[in-house]
C-alpha cells in the first residue's frame, strides 16, 4: 500500500511540475515574444524533453 501511495504522489508531483513548466514557457513566449524553442532554451529544458512540451502547447 505504501508503494502505491508513493507512486501516486510521484505522478501527481510530475504532472504539476509539467503544468508549471508549460505555464512558464507560455509566459515567456507571451511577454518576451519568444518562440517555444527560445523559451525552453532559456529555461535549459533538455532536448529530449522538449518534444513533450511542444506537443502540449
Protein backbone atom coordinates (compact mmCIF):
# COMPACT_ATOMS: atom_id res chain seq x y z
CA UNK A 1 0.00 0.00 0.00
CA UNK A 2 2.78 2.41 0.84
CA UNK A 3 4.43 1.88 -2.56
CA UNK A 4 1.14 2.53 -4.35
CA UNK A 5 0.65 5.78 -2.47
CA UNK A 6 4.23 6.82 -3.13
CA UNK A 7 3.79 6.17 -6.87
CA UNK A 8 0.54 8.14 -6.93
CA UNK A 9 2.19 11.08 -5.18
CA UNK A 10 5.13 10.93 -7.61
CA UNK A 11 2.79 11.01 -10.61
CA UNK A 12 0.86 13.95 -9.13
CA UNK A 13 4.10 15.86 -8.49
CA UNK A 14 5.37 15.22 -12.02
CA UNK A 15 2.06 16.36 -13.53
CA UNK A 16 2.10 19.59 -11.51
CA UNK A 17 5.74 20.19 -12.42
CA UNK A 18 4.92 19.80 -16.13
CA UNK A 19 1.98 22.20 -15.83
CA UNK A 20 4.21 24.76 -14.12
CA UNK A 21 6.84 24.44 -16.85
CA UNK A 22 4.20 24.78 -19.57
CA UNK A 23 2.84 27.91 -17.90
CA UNK A 24 6.34 29.38 -17.70
CA UNK A 25 7.04 28.57 -21.35
CA UNK A 26 3.77 30.25 -22.37
CA UNK A 27 4.53 33.29 -20.21
CA UNK A 28 7.98 33.72 -21.78
CA UNK A 29 6.51 33.31 -25.24
CA UNK A 30 3.92 35.99 -24.50
CA UNK A 31 5.96 38.55 -22.58
CA UNK A 32 9.26 38.17 -24.43
CA UNK A 33 7.72 37.35 -27.84
CA UNK A 34 9.93 34.24 -27.96
CA UNK A 35 9.29 31.02 -29.79
CA UNK A 36 8.71 27.88 -27.73
CA UNK A 37 12.25 26.78 -28.59
CA UNK A 38 13.73 30.06 -27.35
CA UNK A 39 11.76 29.86 -24.12
CA UNK A 40 12.82 26.27 -23.48
CA UNK A 41 16.44 27.12 -24.25
CA UNK A 42 16.32 29.95 -21.71
CA UNK A 43 14.84 27.53 -19.19
CA UNK A 44 17.51 24.94 -20.02
CA UNK A 45 14.97 22.24 -20.80
CA UNK A 46 16.78 19.28 -22.31
CA UNK A 47 16.37 18.48 -25.99
CA UNK A 48 14.99 15.08 -25.01
CA UNK A 49 12.12 16.68 -23.05
CA UNK A 50 11.22 19.45 -25.47
CA UNK A 51 9.01 17.29 -27.68
CA UNK A 52 6.57 16.50 -24.89
CA UNK A 53 6.19 20.21 -24.07
CA UNK A 54 5.80 21.22 -27.72
CA UNK A 55 3.02 18.64 -28.05
CA UNK A 56 1.15 20.18 -25.10
CA UNK A 57 1.49 23.82 -26.12
